[in-house]
Amino acid sequence: MSRIVWGSVVALALGLVGVGVAVGFFPLEGTSPTGPDNLLRTLSPFNSYGHVYDPANIEAMRPRVMGTHGVVSTGHYRATMAGMDVLRQGGNAFDAGVTAAKGTSTAAQDQRRRRLYI
């Protein structure tokens, strides 16, 4: 057989395999993509979230985050201290965030002169 015929046969075989794999990624209507018979699809890279994602449970999508003392995080320690001072004086999270953001921008601007005005 000539090279053209072999190339056509190989291309056809790879095409059929590709179509079979592509059809296998999409579940049929009314079936669950995370069932025990569909384990391979659950572990595939495009459906790897299937073991975590549950569309019926919204609470699982967002973790509950609660605190009593407050947290401020910035790229400069003095901007973080300014945000924490606002929280200690009775400010809310928005006030602390604005103060910390302003302190961070001031720290970045005055870094060349080695001064920080907070």
Protein backbone atom coordinates (compact mmCIF):
# COMPACT_ATOMS: atom_id res chain seq x y z
CA MET A 1 0.00 0.00 0.00
CA SER A 2 1.20 3.47 -0.70
CA ARG A 3 2.02 6.10 1.87
CA ILE A 4 -1.07 8.10 0.99
CA VAL A 5 -3.37 5.16 1.73
CA TRP A 6 -1.61 4.43 5.05
CA GLY A 7 -1.80 8.10 5.98
CA SER A 8 -5.52 8.15 5.22
CA VAL A 9 -6.12 4.99 7.28
CA VAL A 10 -4.19 6.40 10.26
CA ALA A 11 -6.00 9.75 10.00
CA LEU A 12 -9.38 8.00 9.87
CA ALA A 13 -8.53 5.82 12.88
CA LEU A 14 -7.34 8.79 14.93
CA GLY A 15 -10.42 10.75 13.93
CA LEU A 16 -12.74 7.98 15.07
CA VAL A 17 -10.90 7.67 18.38
CA GLY A 18 -11.12 11.45 18.84
CA VAL A 19 -14.86 11.47 18.17
CA GLY A 20 -15.35 8.60 20.61
CA VAL A 21 -13.44 10.43 23.33
CA ALA A 22 -15.31 13.69 22.65
CA VAL A 23 -18.70 11.96 22.85
CA GLY A 24 -17.65 10.28 26.10
CA PHE A 25 -17.02 13.65 27.78
CA PHE A 26 -20.63 14.80 27.43
CA PRO A 27 -23.13 12.93 29.63
CA LEU A 28 -26.49 11.93 28.22
CA GLU A 29 -29.56 13.87 29.32
CA GLY A 30 -30.90 12.67 32.65
CA THR A 31 -27.64 11.00 33.72
CA SER A 32 -25.25 12.16 36.40
CA PRO A 33 -21.63 12.82 35.37
CA THR A 34 -20.47 11.74 38.84
CA GLY A 35 -22.09 8.31 39.08
CA PRO A 36 -20.05 5.17 39.78
CA ASP A 37 -20.28 4.07 36.15
CA ASN A 38 -18.84 7.39 35.01
CA LEU A 39 -15.74 7.39 37.21
CA LEU A 40 -13.40 7.98 34.29
CA ARG A 41 -15.32 11.08 33.26
CA THR A 42 -15.23 12.40 36.82
CA LEU A 43 -11.48 12.08 36.94
CA SER A 44 -10.89 13.66 33.54
CA PRO A 45 -9.26 17.11 33.56
CA PHE A 46 -12.34 18.88 32.22
CA ASN A 47 -14.68 17.38 34.81
CA SER A 48 -12.30 17.10 37.76
CA TYR A 49 -14.48 19.46 39.82
CA GLY A 50 -17.30 16.89 39.78
CA HIS A 51 -16.40 15.40 43.15
CA VAL A 52 -16.49 18.84 44.84
CA TYR A 53 -19.20 20.69 42.95
CA ASP A 54 -22.74 19.93 44.02
CA PRO A 55 -25.32 22.18 42.33
CA ALA A 56 -27.95 21.40 44.97
CA ASN A 57 -25.77 22.54 47.89
CA ILE A 58 -24.94 26.25 47.73
CA GLU A 59 -23.33 26.26 51.19
CA ALA A 60 -20.58 23.94 50.00
CA MET A 61 -19.58 26.47 47.37
CA ARG A 62 -18.76 29.25 49.85
CA PRO A 63 -16.89 28.50 53.05
CA ARG A 64 -18.10 30.24 56.17
CA VAL A 65 -15.52 32.76 57.35
CA MET A 66 -16.01 34.37 60.73
CA GLY A 67 -13.71 36.30 63.00
CA THR A 68 -13.82 38.30 66.20
CA HIS A 69 -10.58 40.28 66.17
CA GLY A 70 -10.18 41.41 62.54
CA VAL A 71 -7.46 40.91 59.97
CA VAL A 72 -5.65 43.39 57.74
CA SER A 73 -3.08 42.30 55.19
CA THR A 74 -0.96 44.54 52.96
CA GLY A 75 2.44 44.56 51.33
CA HIS A 76 3.94 46.90 53.93
CA TYR A 77 3.91 46.37 57.66
CA ARG A 78 3.15 50.00 58.53
CA ALA A 79 0.12 50.09 56.24
CA THR A 80 -1.12 46.93 57.97
CA MET A 81 -0.58 48.57 61.36
CA ALA A 82 -2.59 51.63 60.21
CA GLY A 83 -5.49 49.40 59.15
CA MET A 84 -5.41 47.53 62.47
CA ASP A 85 -5.41 50.84 64.36
CA VAL A 86 -8.60 51.84 62.56
CA LEU A 87 -10.23 48.53 63.57
CA ARG A 88 -9.13 48.95 67.19
CA GLN A 89 -10.62 52.45 67.29
CA GLY A 90 -14.03 51.10 66.28
CA GLY A 91 -13.90 51.38 62.49
CA ASN A 92 -15.41 48.80 60.21
CA ALA A 93 -13.73 46.64 57.57
CA PHE A 94 -14.28 49.20 54.82
CA ASP A 95 -12.61 51.97 56.85
CA ALA A 96 -9.66 49.71 57.62
CA GLY A 97 -9.37 48.66 53.97
CA VAL A 98 -9.33 52.25 52.71
CA THR A 99 -6.74 53.21 55.31
CA ALA A 100 -4.55 50.22 54.49
CA ALA A 101 -4.83 50.85 50.74
CA LYS A 102 -3.88 54.50 51.18
CA GLY A 103 -1.02 53.50 53.44
CA THR A 104 0.21 50.97 50.87
CA SER A 105 0.14 53.52 48.05
CA THR A 106 1.94 56.06 50.25
CA ALA A 107 4.55 53.47 51.19
CA ALA A 108 5.10 52.58 47.54
CA GLN A 109 5.46 56.23 46.50
CA ASP A 110 7.89 57.18 49.26
CA GLN A 111 9.99 54.02 49.09
CA ARG A 112 12.75 55.80 47.17
CA ARG A 113 13.10 58.50 49.84
CA ARG A 114 12.94 55.93 52.68
CA ARG A 115 10.13 57.85 54.36
CA LEU A 116 6.65 56.69 55.19
CA TYR A 117 3.88 59.11 56.09
CA ILE A 118 1.12 57.25 57.86
